[in-house]
Protein backbone atom coordinates (compact mmCIF):
# COMPACT_ATOMS: atom_id res chain seq x y z
CA UNK A 1 79.92 -42.68 -66.06
CA UNK A 2 82.77 -41.09 -64.18
CA UNK A 3 84.96 -38.55 -65.81
CA UNK A 4 88.61 -39.26 -66.46
CA UNK A 5 89.65 -36.80 -63.72
CA UNK A 6 88.88 -38.11 -60.25
CA UNK A 7 88.01 -35.58 -57.57
CA UNK A 8 88.13 -35.96 -53.85
CA UNK A 9 85.07 -36.71 -51.77
CA UNK A 10 84.61 -33.03 -50.87
CA UNK A 11 82.85 -31.61 -53.86
CA UNK A 12 79.87 -29.81 -52.36
CA UNK A 13 79.44 -27.73 -49.27
CA UNK A 14 81.08 -24.58 -48.05
CA UNK A 15 84.51 -23.66 -49.27
CA UNK A 16 87.05 -22.36 -46.79
CA UNK A 17 87.63 -18.62 -47.04
CA UNK A 18 90.98 -17.42 -48.26
CA UNK A 19 92.97 -16.00 -45.37
CA UNK A 20 94.02 -12.39 -45.72
CA UNK A 21 97.70 -11.64 -45.26
CA UNK A 22 98.65 -10.29 -41.85
CA UNK A 23 98.90 -6.53 -41.59
CA UNK A 24 102.33 -5.07 -41.22
CA UNK A 25 102.92 -3.07 -38.05
CA UNK A 26 103.99 0.26 -39.41
CA UNK A 27 105.25 3.10 -37.30
CA UNK A 28 103.03 6.15 -37.22
CA UNK A 29 104.51 9.60 -37.41
CA UNK A 30 103.26 12.60 -35.44
CA UNK A 31 100.91 13.80 -38.19
CA UNK A 32 99.14 10.43 -38.37
CA UNK A 33 98.87 10.21 -34.58
CA UNK A 34 97.39 13.72 -34.41
CA UNK A 35 94.93 12.87 -37.18
CA UNK A 36 93.76 9.70 -35.44
CA UNK A 37 93.40 11.56 -32.13
CA UNK A 38 91.32 14.26 -33.83
CA UNK A 39 89.07 11.61 -35.40
CA UNK A 40 88.48 10.00 -31.99
CA UNK A 41 87.58 13.36 -30.45
CA UNK A 42 85.21 14.20 -33.32
CA UNK A 43 83.51 10.80 -32.94
CA UNK A 44 83.07 11.33 -29.19
CA UNK A 45 81.54 14.76 -29.82
CA UNK A 46 79.20 13.32 -32.44
CA UNK A 47 78.09 10.54 -30.09
CA UNK A 48 77.42 13.09 -27.35
CA UNK A 49 75.28 15.16 -29.73
CA UNK A 50 73.32 12.05 -30.76
CA UNK A 51 72.53 11.24 -27.13
CA UNK A 52 71.54 14.84 -26.44
CA UNK A 53 69.31 15.01 -29.53
CA UNK A 54 67.64 11.68 -28.77
CA UNK A 55 66.45 12.93 -25.38
CA UNK A 56 64.55 15.92 -26.76
CA UNK A 57 61.94 14.07 -28.79
CA UNK A 58 60.55 15.08 -32.17
CA UNK A 59 61.77 18.29 -33.76
CA UNK A 60 58.31 19.54 -34.71
CA UNK A 61 56.19 20.41 -31.71
CA UNK A 62 53.05 21.29 -33.62
CA UNK A 63 49.92 19.18 -33.49
CA UNK A 64 47.83 17.93 -36.41
CA UNK A 65 46.61 20.86 -38.47
CA UNK A 66 42.90 20.94 -39.29
CA UNK A 67 41.56 22.65 -42.32
CA UNK A 68 39.35 25.67 -41.80
CA UNK A 69 36.37 24.28 -43.73
């Protein structure tokens, strides 16, 4: 039996995602611009350190220790 409320043919399947509202273009003041610039520079320095550290290999240079038995 069908229920009293008829639905459309699209019952199952994926539902469309709800669209997020568009972001407002706000003006940035000097403090915010300086903060963003500092973050970019810090990220570049961190990436450079990662590349440098990756080239050196493992931190421990010792071999497998054998017991003195």
